[in-house]
Amino acid sequence: MARVPFRIKVSLWLLAFLLAVPLLGPFLVPVPRLEGLSDPEGVAGPESLFVSVEGVQLHVETWPAGTTPEDVAARGDAIAGHDDPAQGRLGVIMLHGFGSQTRTWRHLGAALADSQLTPSVTLAFDRPAFGLSERPERASWGRGRNPYGQEAQVAYTLGLMDAYGLDRALLVGHSAGGTLALEVALVAPERVAGLILVSPAVYAGGGAPAWTRPLLSTPQLERLGPLLMRSFAGRPGEDFLRAAYFDPDALDPLDEAAYRRALQVEGWDRALWELVKASRESDLESFVTRIEAPTLVLTGAADAIVPRAQSERLARELPDASFRALPECGHVAHEECPEGVIVALQDWLSEAAARLLD
């Protein structure tokens, strides 16, 4: 038998090594357990409620504070004289964006609760993978619906409406939460009285490209994914948060603390990775012309994440939409410029109230 030349042997060993590095290397990277974490109830504040929807404990914040489903039911069918028996109970549901949580709505919650709509309840909830909502582990859902996918997010929104006895809601969504609000309006238009969308992510971003999905589920990335997500607890996460502001120095310590609260919950890194894997590119641009609900599209004029032009385009393509850009505001205008956002909401509600209550 002919002997293999030494240089070919070396080349084969080198090739084997180069193949082994990406295949086996991730399994050699240590993934230490995060210490000092708690369950959601251990981190929750006095404003927190937990409501079971679709078998998941959702963290909810309400205005007025502490309003439970039982409280709404006890008030009867005509809350403050504005619930029409023919139309049913009206509420406000606020949907946060990627990496955010209920406290992002701390300025707008009270303003909407006190608006001329006088809703049965105004509430926000943490979408699973964020904030203090339960983070189901893969073993618990098996081959069932992925609790971090968009279909489940729509079900949580409608299920929370059912839990509070709301027949219809004004949906307020920011960024990816705006995408979710539009999805709900497509799936259940009869349940949506109107939409307020703050820098909604419709035409770009919002999910992993299709070609990456097989890679995200490889054993190598399954091991490294949660470790990569932990970068949000450090400087990359801080940079991501500040990039959402026109003036990074305007970041309120209360808002920053609310963002970091989620990083104290057991399993946050794994859940965030599951959400990244479940994310999909939006196909909403093909369907927005079907959404007839009265809509206000708001944006920060200096939004560097969802450019103003995309929000203007959405307002043009929706059948019944108004547009407002706030100067010297970034991606989270409702945090950075709450006074301007509230004035814009009040002006729009004055004009659209009759259609919202119809």
Protein backbone atom coordinates (compact mmCIF):
# COMPACT_ATOMS: atom_id res chain seq x y z
CA MET A 1 0.00 0.00 0.00
CA ALA A 2 1.38 3.41 -0.95
CA ARG A 3 2.38 5.67 1.89
CA VAL A 4 0.60 9.01 2.20
CA PRO A 5 3.12 11.85 1.80
CA PHE A 6 3.84 13.72 5.01
CA ARG A 7 2.66 17.07 3.62
CA ILE A 8 -0.73 15.55 2.73
CA LYS A 9 -0.99 14.09 6.23
CA VAL A 10 -0.36 17.52 7.68
CA SER A 11 -2.93 19.05 5.35
CA LEU A 12 -5.54 16.47 6.36
CA TRP A 13 -4.86 17.00 10.06
CA LEU A 14 -5.09 20.76 9.56
CA LEU A 15 -8.39 20.39 7.70
CA ALA A 16 -9.77 18.15 10.45
CA PHE A 17 -8.72 20.71 13.06
CA LEU A 18 -10.36 23.58 11.15
CA LEU A 19 -13.59 21.58 10.92
CA ALA A 20 -13.48 20.57 14.56
CA VAL A 21 -13.07 24.13 15.87
CA PRO A 22 -16.56 25.36 14.84
CA LEU A 23 -18.16 21.98 15.47
CA LEU A 24 -16.67 21.17 18.86
CA GLY A 25 -15.36 24.53 20.07
CA PRO A 26 -18.69 25.79 21.41
CA PHE A 27 -18.96 22.75 23.67
CA LEU A 28 -15.64 23.67 25.25
CA VAL A 29 -16.77 27.20 26.14
CA PRO A 30 -17.80 27.35 29.80
CA VAL A 31 -21.35 28.63 30.43
CA PRO A 32 -21.39 29.49 34.14
CA ARG A 33 -24.67 29.64 36.02
CA LEU A 34 -25.90 33.15 36.73
CA GLU A 35 -26.01 33.81 40.45
CA GLY A 36 -28.28 36.01 42.55
CA LEU A 37 -31.37 35.63 40.36
CA SER A 38 -34.95 35.35 41.62
CA ASP A 39 -38.39 34.30 40.48
CA PRO A 40 -40.56 37.14 39.07
CA GLU A 41 -42.57 37.57 42.28
CA GLY A 42 -39.33 38.17 44.18
CA VAL A 43 -38.49 41.14 41.94
CA ALA A 44 -42.00 42.54 41.47
CA GLY A 45 -43.06 45.87 42.94
CA PRO A 46 -46.32 46.95 44.58
CA GLU A 47 -47.76 47.87 41.17
CA SER A 48 -47.38 44.31 39.87
CA LEU A 49 -50.16 41.82 39.15
CA PHE A 50 -49.85 38.32 37.72
CA VAL A 51 -52.67 37.03 35.53
CA SER A 52 -52.78 33.52 34.08
CA VAL A 53 -53.38 33.52 30.31
CA GLU A 54 -52.90 30.50 28.06
CA GLY A 55 -51.30 28.71 31.01
CA VAL A 56 -48.62 31.41 31.43
CA GLN A 57 -48.35 33.87 34.32
CA LEU A 58 -48.29 37.29 32.67
CA HIS A 59 -46.93 40.25 34.61
CA VAL A 60 -49.49 43.06 34.36
CA GLU A 61 -49.53 46.69 35.42
CA THR A 62 -52.77 48.66 35.42
CA TRP A 63 -54.08 52.19 35.68
CA PRO A 64 -55.74 52.61 38.15
CA ALA A 65 -53.06 50.59 39.92
CA GLY A 66 -53.89 47.11 41.08
CA THR A 67 -57.05 46.66 39.00
CA THR A 68 -57.77 42.93 38.85
CA PRO A 69 -60.13 41.13 36.46
CA GLU A 70 -62.49 40.70 39.42
CA ASP A 71 -62.49 44.47 40.00
CA VAL A 72 -63.60 45.11 36.42
CA ALA A 73 -66.29 42.44 36.60
CA ALA A 74 -67.64 43.89 39.84
CA ARG A 75 -68.27 47.28 38.26
CA GLY A 76 -71.02 45.95 36.04
CA ASP A 77 -71.66 46.37 32.34
CA ALA A 78 -71.59 50.16 32.15
CA ILE A 79 -68.31 51.47 33.58
CA ALA A 80 -68.52 55.24 34.09
CA GLY A 81 -71.45 55.32 31.68
CA HIS A 82 -69.24 54.85 28.61
CA ASP A 83 -69.50 51.11 27.99
CA ASP A 84 -72.27 50.59 25.44
CA PRO A 85 -74.09 47.27 26.06
CA ALA A 86 -74.29 46.86 22.28
CA GLN A 87 -70.52 47.27 21.92
CA GLY A 88 -69.34 45.81 25.23
CA ARG A 89 -66.56 46.83 27.56
CA LEU A 90 -63.74 48.97 26.19
CA GLY A 91 -60.19 48.90 27.57
CA VAL A 92 -56.70 50.06 26.67
CA ILE A 93 -53.90 47.51 26.23
CA MET A 94 -50.29 48.70 25.84
CA LEU A 95 -47.69 46.50 24.12
CA HIS A 96 -43.99 47.21 24.65
CA GLY A 97 -41.12 46.71 22.22
CA PHE A 98 -38.03 44.48 22.20
CA GLY A 99 -36.17 44.43 25.50
CA SER A 100 -38.76 46.57 27.26
CA GLN A 101 -41.41 46.06 29.95
CA THR A 102 -44.55 47.55 31.49
CA ARG A 103 -42.81 50.47 33.15
CA THR A 104 -42.06 51.97 29.73
CA TRP A 105 -45.72 53.13 29.78
CA ARG A 106 -45.56 54.81 33.20
CA HIS A 107 -46.22 58.27 31.73
CA LEU A 108 -48.93 57.30 29.26
CA GLY A 109 -50.86 54.85 31.43
CA ALA A 110 -52.44 57.45 33.68
CA ALA A 111 -53.13 59.83 30.77
CA LEU A 112 -55.02 57.16 28.83
CA ALA A 113 -56.89 55.95 31.91
CA ASP A 114 -58.13 59.51 32.48
CA SER A 115 -58.91 60.21 28.82
CA GLN A 116 -62.37 60.94 27.49
CA LEU A 117 -62.66 57.25 26.56
CA THR A 118 -62.85 56.38 30.30
CA PRO A 119 -61.92 52.75 29.58
CA SER A 120 -62.84 49.92 31.92
CA VAL A 121 -59.14 49.43 32.55
CA THR A 122 -55.84 50.57 31.09
CA LEU A 123 -53.15 47.92 31.30
CA ALA A 124 -49.76 46.83 30.03
CA PHE A 125 -48.23 43.38 30.19
CA ASP A 126 -44.73 41.99 29.80
CA ARG A 127 -44.51 39.83 26.71
CA PRO A 128 -42.89 36.49 27.63
CA ALA A 129 -39.06 36.70 27.43
CA PHE A 130 -39.26 40.26 28.79
CA GLY A 131 -39.98 41.93 32.10
CA LEU A 132 -41.42 39.76 34.85
CA SER A 133 -43.76 37.45 32.94
CA GLU A 134 -43.21 33.72 33.26
CA ARG A 135 -40.54 32.28 30.97
CA PRO A 136 -41.70 28.78 30.03
CA GLU A 137 -38.88 26.29 29.44
CA ARG A 138 -38.83 24.23 26.27
CA ALA A 139 -39.63 21.03 28.15
CA SER A 140 -42.94 22.51 29.32
CA TRP A 141 -44.32 23.24 25.85
CA GLY A 142 -42.91 20.20 24.07
CA ARG A 143 -44.38 20.06 20.57
CA GLY A 144 -47.08 22.59 21.41
CA ARG A 145 -47.16 26.25 20.46
CA ASN A 146 -43.93 28.14 21.10
CA PRO A 147 -44.80 30.70 23.81
CA TYR A 148 -42.23 33.13 22.38
CA GLY A 149 -43.59 33.13 18.81
CA GLN A 150 -45.80 35.79 17.25
CA GLU A 151 -48.88 33.56 17.17
CA ALA A 152 -48.62 33.09 20.94
CA GLN A 153 -48.11 36.83 21.48
CA VAL A 154 -51.39 37.52 19.67
CA ALA A 155 -53.12 34.86 21.78
CA TYR A 156 -51.78 36.40 25.01
CA THR A 157 -53.13 39.81 24.02
CA LEU A 158 -56.60 38.51 23.19
CA GLY A 159 -56.54 36.16 26.20
CA LEU A 160 -55.76 39.06 28.54
CA MET A 161 -58.69 40.96 27.07
CA ASP A 162 -60.87 37.93 27.81
CA ALA A 163 -59.51 37.68 31.36
CA TYR A 164 -60.52 41.31 32.00
CA GLY A 165 -63.87 40.90 30.25
CA LEU A 166 -62.97 43.39 27.50
CA ASP A 167 -64.92 43.06 24.29
CA ARG A 168 -62.79 45.67 22.51
CA ALA A 169 -59.58 47.54 23.20
CA LEU A 170 -57.58 50.50 22.03
CA LEU A 171 -54.17 48.93 21.40
CA VAL A 172 -51.07 51.03 22.02
CA GLY A 173 -47.90 49.48 20.63
CA HIS A 174 -44.26 50.55 20.50
CA SER A 175 -41.79 49.20 17.92
CA ALA A 176 -42.22 45.39 17.89
CA GLY A 177 -45.27 45.98 20.11
CA GLY A 178 -46.70 48.05 17.26
CA THR A 179 -46.17 45.10 14.95
CA LEU A 180 -48.05 42.92 17.45
CA ALA A 181 -50.92 45.43 17.67
CA LEU A 182 -51.31 45.32 13.88
CA GLU A 183 -51.24 41.51 13.93
CA VAL A 184 -54.06 41.48 16.50
CA ALA A 185 -56.05 43.91 14.34
CA LEU A 186 -55.69 41.53 11.38
CA VAL A 187 -56.60 38.40 13.34
CA ALA A 188 -59.49 39.88 15.33
CA PRO A 189 -60.58 43.23 13.85
CA GLU A 190 -63.84 43.15 15.80
CA ARG A 191 -61.85 43.29 19.06
CA VAL A 192 -59.80 46.37 18.13
CA ALA A 193 -61.42 49.78 18.58
CA GLY A 194 -58.33 51.69 17.45
CA LEU A 195 -54.54 51.75 17.32
CA ILE A 196 -51.85 54.06 18.65
CA LEU A 197 -48.50 53.04 17.18
CA VAL A 198 -45.23 54.56 18.39
CA SER A 199 -42.37 53.94 15.92
CA PRO A 200 -43.90 50.64 14.76
CA ALA A 201 -41.44 48.16 13.22
CA VAL A 202 -43.25 47.10 10.03
CA TYR A 203 -41.02 47.54 6.99
CA ALA A 204 -37.59 46.54 8.32
CA GLY A 205 -36.18 44.43 11.11
CA GLY A 206 -38.38 42.54 13.53
CA GLY A 207 -37.02 39.04 13.07
CA ALA A 208 -34.29 36.69 11.98
CA PRO A 209 -33.96 36.14 8.19
CA ALA A 210 -35.25 32.76 7.07
CA TRP A 211 -31.82 31.52 5.98
CA THR A 212 -30.47 31.86 9.55
CA ARG A 213 -33.11 29.71 11.26
CA PRO A 214 -31.44 26.31 10.72
CA LEU A 215 -28.22 27.75 12.16
CA LEU A 216 -29.97 29.11 15.26
CA SER A 217 -31.15 25.62 16.22
CA THR A 218 -27.81 23.85 15.88
CA PRO A 219 -26.44 22.28 19.09
CA GLN A 220 -23.51 24.69 18.96
CA LEU A 221 -25.67 27.82 18.97
CA GLU A 222 -28.13 26.27 21.40
CA ARG A 223 -25.25 26.18 23.84
CA LEU A 224 -23.77 29.59 23.04
CA GLY A 225 -27.04 31.49 22.41
CA PRO A 226 -27.94 32.22 26.03
CA LEU A 227 -24.33 33.24 26.66
CA LEU A 228 -24.55 35.71 23.78
CA MET A 229 -27.80 37.11 25.23
CA ARG A 230 -26.00 37.88 28.48
CA SER A 231 -24.26 40.75 26.72
CA PHE A 232 -27.48 42.72 27.27
CA ALA A 233 -26.58 42.81 30.96
CA GLY A 234 -23.36 44.68 30.15
CA ARG A 235 -22.14 47.51 27.97
CA PRO A 236 -23.79 46.31 24.73
CA GLY A 237 -27.17 46.40 26.49
CA GLU A 238 -26.50 49.89 27.82
CA ASP A 239 -25.46 51.07 24.35
CA PHE A 240 -28.61 49.52 22.86
CA LEU A 241 -30.78 51.36 25.37
CA ARG A 242 -29.08 54.72 24.89
CA ALA A 243 -29.25 54.42 21.09
CA ALA A 244 -33.04 54.57 21.43
CA TYR A 245 -32.81 58.16 22.71
CA PHE A 246 -32.21 61.38 20.80
CA ASP A 247 -30.42 62.63 23.91
CA PRO A 248 -28.91 59.66 25.78
CA ASP A 249 -28.46 61.83 28.86
CA ALA A 250 -32.25 62.16 29.03
CA LEU A 251 -32.54 58.51 30.12
CA ASP A 252 -34.39 58.63 33.43
CA PRO A 253 -32.82 56.46 36.17
CA LEU A 254 -36.31 55.08 36.89
CA ASP A 255 -36.62 53.86 33.30
CA GLU A 256 -33.11 52.44 33.32
CA ALA A 257 -33.82 50.56 36.56
CA ALA A 258 -37.02 49.14 35.05
CA TYR A 259 -35.12 47.79 32.05
CA ARG A 260 -32.55 46.16 34.32
CA ARG A 261 -35.15 44.58 36.60
CA ALA A 262 -35.78 41.84 34.05
CA LEU A 263 -32.11 40.84 34.27
CA GLN A 264 -32.69 39.75 37.86
CA VAL A 265 -35.15 36.99 36.88
CA GLU A 266 -34.11 33.35 36.67
CA GLY A 267 -33.84 32.10 33.09
CA TRP A 268 -33.93 35.48 31.38
CA ASP A 269 -30.99 34.65 29.09
CA ARG A 270 -32.44 31.35 27.87
CA ALA A 271 -35.89 32.91 27.30
CA LEU A 272 -34.42 35.80 25.31
CA TRP A 273 -32.59 33.28 23.14
CA GLU A 274 -35.82 31.35 22.57
CA LEU A 275 -37.50 34.56 21.45
CA VAL A 276 -34.67 35.35 19.03
CA LYS A 277 -35.01 31.88 17.53
CA ALA A 278 -38.79 32.24 17.25
CA SER A 279 -38.68 35.65 15.61
CA ARG A 280 -39.63 36.01 11.95
CA GLU A 281 -39.37 38.77 9.40
CA SER A 282 -42.66 40.65 9.23
CA ASP A 283 -44.90 40.28 6.19
CA LEU A 284 -47.28 42.96 7.41
CA GLU A 285 -46.56 45.39 4.60
CA SER A 286 -48.65 43.17 2.32
CA PHE A 287 -51.67 43.42 4.63
CA VAL A 288 -51.73 46.89 6.24
CA THR A 289 -54.29 48.19 3.75
CA ARG A 290 -56.81 45.74 5.25
CA ILE A 291 -56.63 47.32 8.71
CA GLU A 292 -59.53 49.75 9.01
CA ALA A 293 -59.28 50.68 12.70
CA PRO A 294 -58.71 54.41 13.38
CA THR A 295 -54.97 54.78 13.91
CA LEU A 296 -52.49 57.33 15.19
CA VAL A 297 -48.88 56.77 14.08
CA LEU A 298 -46.36 58.59 16.26
CA THR A 299 -42.61 58.80 15.88
CA GLY A 300 -39.63 60.63 17.21
CA ALA A 301 -38.35 62.80 14.37
CA ALA A 302 -34.81 61.67 15.24
CA ASP A 303 -35.60 57.96 15.56
CA ALA A 304 -32.44 56.11 14.47
CA ILE A 305 -33.92 52.59 14.87
CA VAL A 306 -37.20 52.86 12.94
CA PRO A 307 -36.62 55.88 10.68
CA ARG A 308 -39.31 58.51 10.45
CA ALA A 309 -39.89 57.74 6.76
CA GLN A 310 -41.11 54.23 7.63
CA SER A 311 -43.70 55.57 10.08
CA GLU A 312 -44.85 58.15 7.53
CA ARG A 313 -45.22 55.38 4.92
CA LEU A 314 -47.33 53.29 7.30
CA ALA A 315 -49.63 56.24 8.02
CA ARG A 316 -50.12 56.74 4.28
CA GLU A 317 -50.89 53.07 3.61
CA LEU A 318 -53.32 52.50 6.48
CA PRO A 319 -56.89 53.35 5.42
CA ASP A 320 -57.68 55.56 8.45
CA ALA A 321 -54.50 56.98 9.98
CA SER A 322 -53.04 60.23 11.26
CA PHE A 323 -49.32 60.93 11.61
CA ARG A 324 -47.35 62.96 14.13
CA ALA A 325 -43.56 63.40 14.45
CA LEU A 326 -42.14 64.85 17.66
CA PRO A 327 -38.99 66.97 17.32
CA GLU A 328 -35.83 66.10 19.26
CA CYS A 329 -37.14 62.66 20.20
CA GLY A 330 -35.72 59.24 19.43
CA HIS A 331 -37.13 55.73 19.24
CA VAL A 332 -38.83 55.72 22.67
CA ALA A 333 -40.67 59.02 22.39
CA HIS A 334 -43.13 57.98 25.11
CA GLU A 335 -40.20 57.83 27.57
CA GLU A 336 -38.06 60.67 26.26
CA CYS A 337 -40.80 63.16 25.34
CA PRO A 338 -43.90 62.06 27.30
CA GLU A 339 -45.49 65.50 27.45
CA GLY A 340 -45.46 65.85 23.66
CA VAL A 341 -46.78 62.34 23.19
CA ILE A 342 -49.65 62.95 25.64
CA VAL A 343 -50.66 66.15 23.86
CA ALA A 344 -50.62 64.32 20.51
CA LEU A 345 -52.75 61.52 22.00
CA GLN A 346 -55.25 63.95 23.48
CA ASP A 347 -55.59 65.84 20.19
CA TRP A 348 -56.15 62.61 18.25
CA LEU A 349 -58.58 61.21 20.81
CA SER A 350 -60.64 64.41 20.62
CA GLU A 351 -60.92 63.96 16.87
CA ALA A 352 -61.35 60.17 16.81
CA ALA A 353 -63.35 59.50 19.99
CA ALA A 354 -66.68 59.06 18.24
CA ARG A 355 -65.24 56.44 15.87
CA LEU A 356 -63.46 54.61 18.68
CA LEU A 357 -66.64 54.37 20.73
CA ASP A 358 -68.84 53.49 17.75
